[in-house]
Amino acid sequence: EILEEYLSDIEDELNQKLANNILIYPNPGKGLYEISLGELIVNNCQLELYNNIGELILKTPIYSTKTTVNITNLPSGILLFRITNDNVCYNKMVLKE
């Protein structure tokens, strides 16, 4: 049981390091955003985009460690990018001008 807990802690720490390598830029931006996942595994990887009142406005799979998202058609405001896979959940607030 102690070994399982130790291994779980190591896995959590590794997943956090992977999440810390995720980049979303430019921020602020005008609607074209680059997403770089670093070393994050793209198996079952997904992007969800929420507006400033918490409504889900985009949900799409991510198939590559570098992706471009075009949201030029959306109004200006603060958006939440949520990137998930089987082990990591990463949230980033982005300003769309």
C-alpha atoms as a PDB file:
ATOM      1  CA  GLU A   1       0.000   0.000   0.000  1.00  0.00           C
ATOM      2  CA  ILE A   2       2.842   2.396   0.797  1.00  0.00           C
ATOM      3  CA  LEU A   3       4.502   1.532  -2.522  1.00  0.00           C
ATOM      4  CA  GLU A   4       1.250   2.182  -4.410  1.00  0.00           C
ATOM      5  CA  GLU A   5       0.901   5.551  -2.702  1.00  0.00           C
ATOM      6  CA  TYR A   6       4.513   6.422  -3.507  1.00  0.00           C
ATOM      7  CA  LEU A   7       4.096   5.442  -7.167  1.00  0.00           C
ATOM      8  CA  SER A   8       0.855   7.421  -7.363  1.00  0.00           C
ATOM      9  CA  ASP A   9       2.639  10.489  -5.984  1.00  0.00           C
ATOM     10  CA  ILE A  10       5.417  10.099  -8.585  1.00  0.00           C
ATOM     11  CA  GLU A  11       2.820   9.745 -11.365  1.00  0.00           C
ATOM     12  CA  ASP A  12       0.979  12.856 -10.146  1.00  0.00           C
ATOM     13  CA  GLU A  13       4.237  14.810 -10.068  1.00  0.00           C
ATOM     14  CA  LEU A  14       5.162  13.661 -13.590  1.00  0.00           C
ATOM     15  CA  ASN A  15       1.706  14.569 -14.915  1.00  0.00           C
ATOM     16  CA  GLN A  16       1.993  18.018 -13.328  1.00  0.00           C
ATOM     17  CA  LYS A  17       5.381  18.548 -14.994  1.00  0.00           C
ATOM     18  CA  LEU A  18       3.886  17.520 -18.336  1.00  0.00           C
ATOM     19  CA  ALA A  19       0.982  19.943 -17.833  1.00  0.00           C
ATOM     20  CA  ASN A  20       3.409  22.749 -16.976  1.00  0.00           C
ATOM     21  CA  ASN A  21       5.018  22.330 -20.423  1.00  0.00           C
ATOM     22  CA  ILE A  22       1.762  23.121 -22.252  1.00  0.00           C
ATOM     23  CA  LEU A  23       1.819  26.503 -24.018  1.00  0.00           C
ATOM     24  CA  ILE A  24      -1.088  28.482 -25.473  1.00  0.00           C
ATOM     25  CA  TYR A  25      -0.101  31.651 -27.315  1.00  0.00           C
ATOM     26  CA  PRO A  26      -0.361  34.495 -28.115  1.00  0.00           C
ATOM     27  CA  ASN A  27      -2.081  35.724 -24.994  1.00  0.00           C
ATOM     28  CA  PRO A  28      -3.759  38.125 -25.510  1.00  0.00           C
ATOM     29  CA  GLY A  29      -4.599  37.255 -29.098  1.00  0.00           C
ATOM     30  CA  LYS A  30      -7.032  38.025 -31.880  1.00  0.00           C
ATOM     31  CA  GLY A  31      -8.380  34.507 -32.429  1.00  0.00           C
ATOM     32  CA  LEU A  32      -5.614  32.333 -33.853  1.00  0.00           C
ATOM     33  CA  TYR A  33      -3.950  30.435 -31.010  1.00  0.00           C
ATOM     34  CA  GLU A  34      -1.074  27.996 -31.104  1.00  0.00           C
ATOM     35  CA  ILE A  35      -1.170  25.118 -28.649  1.00  0.00           C
ATOM     36  CA  SER A  36       2.068  23.294 -27.893  1.00  0.00           C
ATOM     37  CA  LEU A  37       1.692  20.207 -25.733  1.00  0.00           C
ATOM     38  CA  GLY A  38       5.398  19.646 -25.095  1.00  0.00           C
ATOM     39  CA  GLU A  39       5.834  16.003 -24.137  1.00  0.00           C
ATOM     40  CA  LEU A  40       2.187  15.408 -23.265  1.00  0.00           C
ATOM     41  CA  ILE A  41       0.859  12.192 -24.781  1.00  0.00           C
ATOM     42  CA  VAL A  42      -1.887  12.986 -27.280  1.00  0.00           C
ATOM     43  CA  ASN A  43      -3.793   9.720 -26.734  1.00  0.00           C
ATOM     44  CA  ASN A  44      -7.373  10.680 -25.899  1.00  0.00           C
ATOM     45  CA  CYS A  45      -6.300  14.318 -25.774  1.00  0.00           C
ATOM     46  CA  GLN A  46      -9.064  16.875 -26.022  1.00  0.00           C
ATOM     47  CA  LEU A  47      -9.528  20.647 -26.054  1.00  0.00           C
ATOM     48  CA  GLU A  48     -12.560  22.252 -24.458  1.00  0.00           C
ATOM     49  CA  LEU A  49     -13.111  25.988 -24.690  1.00  0.00           C
ATOM     50  CA  TYR A  50     -15.403  27.852 -22.288  1.00  0.00           C
ATOM     51  CA  ASN A  51     -16.591  31.460 -22.388  1.00  0.00           C
ATOM     52  CA  ASN A  52     -16.530  33.823 -19.402  1.00  0.00           C
ATOM     53  CA  ILE A  53     -19.873  32.535 -18.066  1.00  0.00           C
ATOM     54  CA  GLY A  54     -18.814  28.896 -18.176  1.00  0.00           C
ATOM     55  CA  GLU A  55     -20.577  27.794 -21.362  1.00  0.00           C
ATOM     56  CA  LEU A  56     -18.797  25.152 -23.421  1.00  0.00           C
ATOM     57  CA  ILE A  57     -18.288  26.736 -26.845  1.00  0.00           C
ATOM     58  CA  LEU A  58     -15.839  24.308 -28.463  1.00  0.00           C
ATOM     59  CA  LYS A  59     -14.909  20.683 -27.901  1.00  0.00           C
ATOM     60  CA  THR A  60     -12.447  18.994 -30.234  1.00  0.00           C
ATOM     61  CA  PRO A  61      -9.893  16.191 -30.130  1.00  0.00           C
ATOM     62  CA  ILE A  62      -6.207  17.058 -30.376  1.00  0.00           C
ATOM     63  CA  TYR A  63      -4.158  14.723 -32.556  1.00  0.00           C
ATOM     64  CA  SER A  64      -0.781  16.460 -32.581  1.00  0.00           C
ATOM     65  CA  THR A  65       1.605  18.036 -30.072  1.00  0.00           C
ATOM     66  CA  LYS A  66       1.311  21.314 -32.032  1.00  0.00           C
ATOM     67  CA  THR A  67      -2.140  22.568 -32.963  1.00  0.00           C
ATOM     68  CA  THR A  68      -3.668  25.826 -34.179  1.00  0.00           C
ATOM     69  CA  VAL A  69      -7.134  26.847 -33.006  1.00  0.00           C
ATOM     70  CA  ASN A  70      -9.081  29.435 -34.986  1.00  0.00           C
ATOM     71  CA  ILE A  71     -11.709  31.232 -32.929  1.00  0.00           C
ATOM     72  CA  THR A  72     -11.710  34.523 -34.829  1.00  0.00           C
ATOM     73  CA  ASN A  73     -15.504  34.166 -35.189  1.00  0.00           C
ATOM     74  CA  LEU A  74     -16.030  34.366 -31.415  1.00  0.00           C
ATOM     75  CA  PRO A  75     -16.592  37.646 -29.558  1.00  0.00           C
ATOM     76  CA  SER A  76     -13.836  39.252 -27.511  1.00  0.00           C
ATOM     77  CA  GLY A  77     -13.474  38.272 -23.896  1.00  0.00           C
ATOM     78  CA  ILE A  78     -11.795  35.951 -21.445  1.00  0.00           C
ATOM     79  CA  LEU A  79     -11.818  32.294 -22.445  1.00  0.00           C
ATOM     80  CA  LEU A  80     -10.840  29.148 -20.590  1.00  0.00           C
ATOM     81  CA  PHE A  81      -8.840  26.599 -22.567  1.00  0.00           C
ATOM     82  CA  ARG A  82      -9.043  23.151 -20.940  1.00  0.00           C
ATOM     83  CA  ILE A  83      -6.780  20.430 -22.278  1.00  0.00           C
ATOM     84  CA  THR A  84      -7.210  16.897 -20.987  1.00  0.00           C
ATOM     85  CA  ASN A  85      -5.944  13.419 -21.656  1.00  0.00           C
ATOM     86  CA  ASP A  86      -6.212  10.251 -19.572  1.00  0.00           C
ATOM     87  CA  ASN A  87      -3.924  11.652 -16.865  1.00  0.00           C
ATOM     88  CA  VAL A  88      -3.723  15.441 -17.124  1.00  0.00           C
ATOM     89  CA  CYS A  89      -6.184  18.306 -16.896  1.00  0.00           C
ATOM     90  CA  TYR A  90      -4.690  21.701 -17.783  1.00  0.00           C
ATOM     91  CA  ASN A  91      -6.590  24.984 -17.581  1.00  0.00           C
ATOM     92  CA  LYS A  92      -5.434  28.315 -19.024  1.00  0.00           C
ATOM     93  CA  MET A  93      -7.260  31.628 -19.142  1.00  0.00           C
ATOM     94  CA  VAL A  94      -6.747  33.477 -22.435  1.00  0.00           C
ATOM     95  CA  LEU A  95      -7.825  36.949 -23.494  1.00  0.00           C
ATOM     96  CA  LYS A  96      -9.327  37.253 -26.975  1.00  0.00           C
ATOM     97  CA  GLU A  97      -9.177  40.841 -28.190  1.00  0.00           C
END
